[in-house]
Amino acid sequence: VQLVESGGGLVQAGGSLRLSCVVSGGISRLNAMGWYRQAPGKQRELVATITSGGSTNYADSVKGRFAISRDNAKSTSYLQMNSLKPEDTAVYYCSCNGRIGLVDRDYWGKGTLVTVSS
């Protein structure tokens, strides 16, 4: 199973970026998908999640600025990030919970760097 993130980069404070995550590799059922981030010297933290039915959950720090969505036909999730702040600078990781055979488990991408300059 592979999760490949794209869309990271350098942006000025107040700007926007859209991250994408494509899942491939034999998952028969794609359950929840999510985005996490890890800033330098800090632990990885939840940014947003979305269930297979479309219910979403956000960290308080990004509510009202970020939006998670998914396209089940494309096995892809998106993270639209608006009004970016320097404190949003981090490596952003895509995750999913998927089924292969009879087993559900979590999978992770390698991350994409988002840098927000002040």
N, C-alpha and C. Protein backbone atom coordinates (compact mmCIF):
# COMPACT_ATOMS: atom_id res chain seq x y z
N VAL A 1 0.85 -1.19 0.00
CA VAL A 1 0.00 0.00 0.00
C VAL A 1 0.89 1.24 0.00
N GLN A 2 0.56 2.18 -0.85
CA GLN A 2 1.31 3.44 -0.92
C GLN A 2 0.37 4.62 -0.74
N LEU A 3 0.81 5.58 0.05
CA LEU A 3 0.14 6.85 0.16
C LEU A 3 1.13 7.92 -0.29
N VAL A 4 0.75 8.67 -1.29
CA VAL A 4 1.66 9.66 -1.85
C VAL A 4 1.04 11.04 -1.71
N GLU A 5 1.71 11.88 -0.91
CA GLU A 5 1.25 13.26 -0.71
C GLU A 5 1.89 14.18 -1.74
N SER A 6 1.17 15.23 -2.04
CA SER A 6 1.71 16.27 -2.93
C SER A 6 1.05 17.60 -2.56
N GLY A 7 1.66 18.67 -3.04
CA GLY A 7 1.06 19.99 -2.85
C GLY A 7 1.74 20.86 -1.82
N GLY A 8 2.74 20.32 -1.12
CA GLY A 8 3.44 21.14 -0.15
C GLY A 8 4.33 22.17 -0.83
N GLY A 9 4.87 23.06 0.00
CA GLY A 9 5.76 24.07 -0.56
C GLY A 9 5.89 25.25 0.37
N LEU A 10 6.44 26.33 -0.18
CA LEU A 10 6.66 27.56 0.57
C LEU A 10 5.57 28.57 0.21
N VAL A 11 4.97 29.15 1.24
CA VAL A 11 3.91 30.13 1.03
C VAL A 11 4.03 31.22 2.08
N GLN A 12 3.61 32.42 1.73
CA GLN A 12 3.62 33.51 2.70
C GLN A 12 2.43 33.40 3.64
N ALA A 13 2.59 33.95 4.81
CA ALA A 13 1.49 33.97 5.78
C ALA A 13 0.26 34.61 5.14
N GLY A 14 -0.88 34.00 5.39
CA GLY A 14 -2.13 34.45 4.79
C GLY A 14 -2.47 33.75 3.50
N GLY A 15 -1.53 33.02 2.96
CA GLY A 15 -1.74 32.32 1.70
C GLY A 15 -2.43 30.99 1.88
N SER A 16 -2.54 30.27 0.77
CA SER A 16 -3.25 28.99 0.74
C SER A 16 -2.43 27.92 0.04
N LEU A 17 -2.66 26.70 0.43
CA LEU A 17 -2.12 25.53 -0.24
C LEU A 17 -3.16 24.43 -0.21
N ARG A 18 -3.09 23.54 -1.18
CA ARG A 18 -3.97 22.36 -1.20
C ARG A 18 -3.12 21.12 -1.29
N LEU A 19 -3.21 20.29 -0.27
CA LEU A 19 -2.49 19.02 -0.25
C LEU A 19 -3.38 17.91 -0.80
N SER A 20 -2.75 16.97 -1.48
CA SER A 20 -3.46 15.79 -1.99
C SER A 20 -2.75 14.54 -1.51
N CYS A 21 -3.53 13.48 -1.37
CA CYS A 21 -2.98 12.19 -0.95
C CYS A 21 -3.68 11.09 -1.74
N VAL A 22 -2.92 10.37 -2.53
CA VAL A 22 -3.46 9.27 -3.33
C VAL A 22 -3.06 7.95 -2.70
N VAL A 23 -4.05 7.09 -2.50
CA VAL A 23 -3.82 5.77 -1.91
C VAL A 23 -3.88 4.72 -3.01
N SER A 24 -2.89 3.84 -3.02
CA SER A 24 -2.90 2.77 -4.00
C SER A 24 -2.36 1.50 -3.37
N GLY A 25 -2.66 0.33 -4.04
CA GLY A 25 -2.02 -0.88 -3.58
C GLY A 25 -2.88 -1.95 -2.95
N GLY A 26 -4.10 -2.14 -3.42
CA GLY A 26 -4.81 -3.34 -3.03
C GLY A 26 -5.76 -3.23 -1.86
N ILE A 27 -6.02 -2.03 -1.39
CA ILE A 27 -7.00 -1.89 -0.32
C ILE A 27 -8.40 -2.12 -0.87
N SER A 28 -9.13 -3.03 -0.23
CA SER A 28 -10.48 -3.34 -0.72
C SER A 28 -11.52 -2.39 -0.17
N ARG A 29 -11.25 -1.83 1.00
CA ARG A 29 -12.17 -0.87 1.59
C ARG A 29 -11.36 0.22 2.27
N LEU A 30 -11.62 1.46 1.86
CA LEU A 30 -10.92 2.59 2.43
C LEU A 30 -11.81 3.23 3.49
N ASN A 31 -11.36 3.17 4.70
CA ASN A 31 -12.16 3.70 5.81
C ASN A 31 -11.80 5.17 6.04
N ALA A 32 -11.52 5.54 7.27
CA ALA A 32 -11.20 6.93 7.56
C ALA A 32 -9.87 7.34 6.93
N MET A 33 -9.80 8.60 6.58
CA MET A 33 -8.56 9.19 6.07
C MET A 33 -8.24 10.41 6.92
N GLY A 34 -6.97 10.76 6.97
CA GLY A 34 -6.61 11.88 7.83
C GLY A 34 -5.32 12.55 7.42
N TRP A 35 -5.13 13.71 8.00
CA TRP A 35 -3.88 14.46 7.85
C TRP A 35 -3.34 14.78 9.23
N TYR A 36 -2.04 14.58 9.37
CA TYR A 36 -1.34 14.89 10.60
C TYR A 36 -0.15 15.77 10.23
N ARG A 37 0.44 16.39 11.23
CA ARG A 37 1.63 17.21 10.95
C ARG A 37 2.62 17.12 12.11
N GLN A 38 3.86 17.34 11.77
CA GLN A 38 4.92 17.34 12.77
C GLN A 38 5.84 18.51 12.50
N ALA A 39 5.87 19.44 13.44
CA ALA A 39 6.75 20.59 13.35
C ALA A 39 8.11 20.22 13.96
N PRO A 40 9.16 20.94 13.61
CA PRO A 40 10.48 20.65 14.16
C PRO A 40 10.47 20.67 15.69
N GLY A 41 10.98 19.61 16.29
CA GLY A 41 11.08 19.53 17.74
C GLY A 41 9.78 19.23 18.45
N LYS A 42 8.73 18.92 17.70
CA LYS A 42 7.43 18.64 18.31
C LYS A 42 6.93 17.27 17.90
N GLN A 43 5.93 16.79 18.64
CA GLN A 43 5.33 15.51 18.33
C GLN A 43 4.34 15.66 17.17
N ARG A 44 4.11 14.55 16.49
CA ARG A 44 3.12 14.54 15.42
C ARG A 44 1.75 14.79 16.04
N GLU A 45 0.95 15.62 15.36
CA GLU A 45 -0.37 15.94 15.88
C GLU A 45 -1.43 15.81 14.78
N LEU A 46 -2.65 15.55 15.23
CA LEU A 46 -3.77 15.46 14.32
C LEU A 46 -4.09 16.83 13.74
N VAL A 47 -4.37 16.86 12.45
CA VAL A 47 -4.86 18.07 11.80
C VAL A 47 -6.34 17.92 11.49
N ALA A 48 -6.68 16.87 10.76
CA ALA A 48 -8.07 16.65 10.37
C ALA A 48 -8.28 15.21 9.95
N THR A 49 -9.50 14.73 10.15
CA THR A 49 -9.86 13.40 9.69
C THR A 49 -11.22 13.45 8.99
N ILE A 50 -11.45 12.46 8.16
CA ILE A 50 -12.73 12.35 7.47
C ILE A 50 -13.09 10.87 7.36
N THR A 51 -14.32 10.54 7.72
CA THR A 51 -14.75 9.15 7.66
C THR A 51 -15.15 8.79 6.23
N SER A 52 -15.42 7.52 6.02
CA SER A 52 -15.85 7.08 4.70
C SER A 52 -17.18 7.72 4.31
N GLY A 53 -17.97 8.10 5.31
CA GLY A 53 -19.25 8.74 5.05
C GLY A 53 -19.18 10.25 4.93
N GLY A 54 -17.99 10.80 5.17
CA GLY A 54 -17.80 12.24 4.98
C GLY A 54 -17.84 13.08 6.25
N SER A 55 -17.96 12.46 7.41
CA SER A 55 -17.91 13.22 8.66
C SER A 55 -16.48 13.66 8.93
N THR A 56 -16.35 14.92 9.36
CA THR A 56 -15.01 15.49 9.54
C THR A 56 -14.75 15.87 10.99
N ASN A 57 -13.45 15.94 11.30
CA ASN A 57 -13.01 16.36 12.63
C ASN A 57 -11.74 17.17 12.44
N TYR A 58 -11.60 18.26 13.20
CA TYR A 58 -10.45 19.14 13.04
C TYR A 58 -9.80 19.46 14.38
N ALA A 59 -8.50 19.68 14.34
CA ALA A 59 -7.82 20.25 15.50
C ALA A 59 -8.32 21.67 15.69
N ASP A 60 -8.40 22.09 16.94
CA ASP A 60 -8.89 23.44 17.22
C ASP A 60 -8.06 24.51 16.51
N SER A 61 -6.78 24.24 16.36
CA SER A 61 -5.87 25.24 15.80
C SER A 61 -6.12 25.51 14.32
N VAL A 62 -6.85 24.61 13.64
CA VAL A 62 -7.06 24.80 12.20
C VAL A 62 -8.53 24.97 11.84
N LYS A 63 -9.41 24.88 12.82
CA LYS A 63 -10.84 25.02 12.53
C LYS A 63 -11.13 26.37 11.88
N GLY A 64 -11.93 26.33 10.84
CA GLY A 64 -12.28 27.56 10.14
C GLY A 64 -11.27 27.98 9.08
N ARG A 65 -10.10 27.35 9.07
CA ARG A 65 -9.07 27.69 8.08
C ARG A 65 -8.78 26.54 7.13
N PHE A 66 -8.83 25.31 7.64
CA PHE A 66 -8.52 24.13 6.85
C PHE A 66 -9.80 23.35 6.56
N ALA A 67 -9.81 22.66 5.44
CA ALA A 67 -10.94 21.80 5.09
C ALA A 67 -10.43 20.50 4.48
N ILE A 68 -10.88 19.39 5.05
CA ILE A 68 -10.52 18.07 4.52
C ILE A 68 -11.67 17.56 3.67
N SER A 69 -11.32 16.88 2.59
CA SER A 69 -12.32 16.27 1.74
C SER A 69 -11.73 15.00 1.14
N ARG A 70 -12.57 14.23 0.47
CA ARG A 70 -12.09 13.01 -0.15
C ARG A 70 -12.88 12.70 -1.40
N ASP A 71 -12.23 11.99 -2.31
CA ASP A 71 -12.87 11.49 -3.51
C ASP A 71 -12.70 9.98 -3.49
N ASN A 72 -13.74 9.27 -3.09
CA ASN A 72 -13.61 7.82 -2.92
C ASN A 72 -13.31 7.12 -4.24
N ALA A 73 -13.83 7.64 -5.33
CA ALA A 73 -13.59 7.02 -6.63
C ALA A 73 -12.12 7.07 -7.02
N LYS A 74 -11.43 8.08 -6.51
CA LYS A 74 -10.01 8.25 -6.82
C LYS A 74 -9.11 7.84 -5.67
N SER A 75 -9.70 7.34 -4.57
CA SER A 75 -8.92 6.96 -3.39
C SER A 75 -7.99 8.09 -2.97
N THR A 76 -8.52 9.28 -2.95
CA THR A 76 -7.72 10.48 -2.70
C THR A 76 -8.37 11.33 -1.62
N SER A 77 -7.53 11.88 -0.76
CA SER A 77 -8.00 12.89 0.19
C SER A 77 -7.29 14.21 -0.10
N TYR A 78 -7.92 15.27 0.33
CA TYR A 78 -7.40 16.62 0.10
C TYR A 78 -7.43 17.39 1.41
N LEU A 79 -6.49 18.30 1.54
CA LEU A 79 -6.50 19.23 2.66
C LEU A 79 -6.31 20.63 2.10
N GLN A 80 -7.39 21.39 2.09
CA GLN A 80 -7.33 22.77 1.67
C GLN A 80 -6.96 23.62 2.87
N MET A 81 -5.86 24.35 2.75
CA MET A 81 -5.34 25.14 3.87
C MET A 81 -5.37 26.61 3.47
N ASN A 82 -6.16 27.38 4.18
CA ASN A 82 -6.28 28.81 3.93
C ASN A 82 -5.80 29.61 5.13
N SER A 83 -5.55 30.88 4.92
CA SER A 83 -5.10 31.77 5.99
C SER A 83 -3.95 31.15 6.77
N LEU A 84 -2.98 30.66 6.05
CA LEU A 84 -1.85 29.96 6.69
C LEU A 84 -1.05 30.89 7.58
N LYS A 85 -0.55 30.30 8.66
CA LYS A 85 0.25 31.03 9.65
C LYS A 85 1.63 30.39 9.73
N PRO A 86 2.63 31.14 10.19
CA PRO A 86 3.97 30.54 10.35
C PRO A 86 3.94 29.30 11.24
N GLU A 87 3.06 29.27 12.22
CA GLU A 87 2.98 28.10 13.11
C GLU A 87 2.38 26.88 12.44
N ASP A 88 1.89 27.01 11.22
CA ASP A 88 1.43 25.85 10.44
C ASP A 88 2.60 25.14 9.75
N THR A 89 3.78 25.72 9.83
CA THR A 89 4.95 25.11 9.22
C THR A 89 5.22 23.74 9.83
N ALA A 90 5.29 22.72 9.00
CA ALA A 90 5.47 21.35 9.47
C ALA A 90 5.56 20.42 8.27
N VAL A 91 5.94 19.19 8.55
CA VAL A 91 5.77 18.12 7.57
C VAL A 91 4.36 17.56 7.77
N TYR A 92 3.61 17.50 6.69
CA TYR A 92 2.23 17.03 6.73
C TYR A 92 2.19 15.60 6.21
N TYR A 93 1.58 14.74 7.00
CA TYR A 93 1.48 13.32 6.68
C TYR A 93 0.03 12.93 6.42
N CYS A 94 -0.15 12.16 5.38
CA CYS A 94 -1.45 11.58 5.07
C CYS A 94 -1.55 10.21 5.72
N SER A 95 -2.73 9.87 6.18
CA SER A 95 -2.94 8.52 6.72
C SER A 95 -4.29 8.00 6.25
N CYS A 96 -4.44 6.70 6.30
CA CYS A 96 -5.73 6.09 6.05
C CYS A 96 -5.84 4.81 6.84
N ASN A 97 -7.06 4.40 7.06
CA ASN A 97 -7.33 3.08 7.60
C ASN A 97 -7.99 2.28 6.49
N GLY A 98 -7.40 1.18 6.13
CA GLY A 98 -7.91 0.41 5.00
C GLY A 98 -7.91 -1.08 5.27
N ARG A 99 -8.72 -1.78 4.48
CA ARG A 99 -8.86 -3.22 4.64
C ARG A 99 -8.18 -3.96 3.49
N ILE A 100 -7.36 -4.93 3.89
CA ILE A 100 -6.81 -5.91 2.95
C ILE A 100 -7.16 -7.28 3.51
N GLY A 101 -7.87 -8.08 2.73
CA GLY A 101 -8.36 -9.36 3.25
C GLY A 101 -9.40 -9.10 4.32
N LEU A 102 -9.13 -9.58 5.53
CA LEU A 102 -10.04 -9.39 6.65
C LEU A 102 -9.50 -8.41 7.69
N VAL A 103 -8.40 -7.77 7.38
CA VAL A 103 -7.71 -6.96 8.36
C VAL A 103 -7.76 -5.48 8.01
N ASP A 104 -8.21 -4.69 8.98
CA ASP A 104 -8.14 -3.23 8.86
C ASP A 104 -6.89 -2.74 9.58
N ARG A 105 -6.16 -1.86 8.94
CA ARG A 105 -5.00 -1.29 9.61
C ARG A 105 -4.71 0.10 9.07
N ASP A 106 -3.84 0.79 9.78
CA ASP A 106 -3.48 2.16 9.41
C ASP A 106 -2.26 2.17 8.50
N TYR A 107 -2.28 3.09 7.57
CA TYR A 107 -1.17 3.28 6.65
C TYR A 107 -0.78 4.76 6.64
N TRP A 108 0.50 5.02 6.32
CA TRP A 108 1.00 6.40 6.36
C TRP A 108 1.79 6.71 5.10
N GLY A 109 1.70 7.98 4.71
CA GLY A 109 2.57 8.48 3.66
C GLY A 109 3.89 8.95 4.23
N LYS A 110 4.79 9.41 3.35
CA LYS A 110 6.12 9.83 3.78
C LYS A 110 6.17 11.31 4.15
N GLY A 111 5.12 12.03 3.82
CA GLY A 111 5.05 13.42 4.24
C GLY A 111 5.41 14.41 3.16
N THR A 112 4.86 15.61 3.30
CA THR A 112 5.18 16.71 2.41
C THR A 112 5.38 17.97 3.27
N LEU A 113 6.42 18.71 2.96
CA LEU A 113 6.79 19.86 3.79
C LEU A 113 6.00 21.09 3.40
N VAL A 114 5.44 21.73 4.41
CA VAL A 114 4.76 23.02 4.24
C VAL A 114 5.52 24.05 5.07
N THR A 115 5.97 25.09 4.40
CA THR A 115 6.69 26.17 5.09
C THR A 115 5.94 27.47 4.87
N VAL A 116 5.58 28.12 5.98
CA VAL A 116 4.85 29.38 5.91
C VAL A 116 5.76 30.48 6.42
N SER A 117 6.07 31.42 5.57
CA SER A 117 6.97 32.52 5.95
C SER A 117 6.16 33.71 6.46
N SER A 118 6.76 34.43 7.39
CA SER A 118 6.07 35.59 7.97
C SER A 118 6.33 36.86 7.18
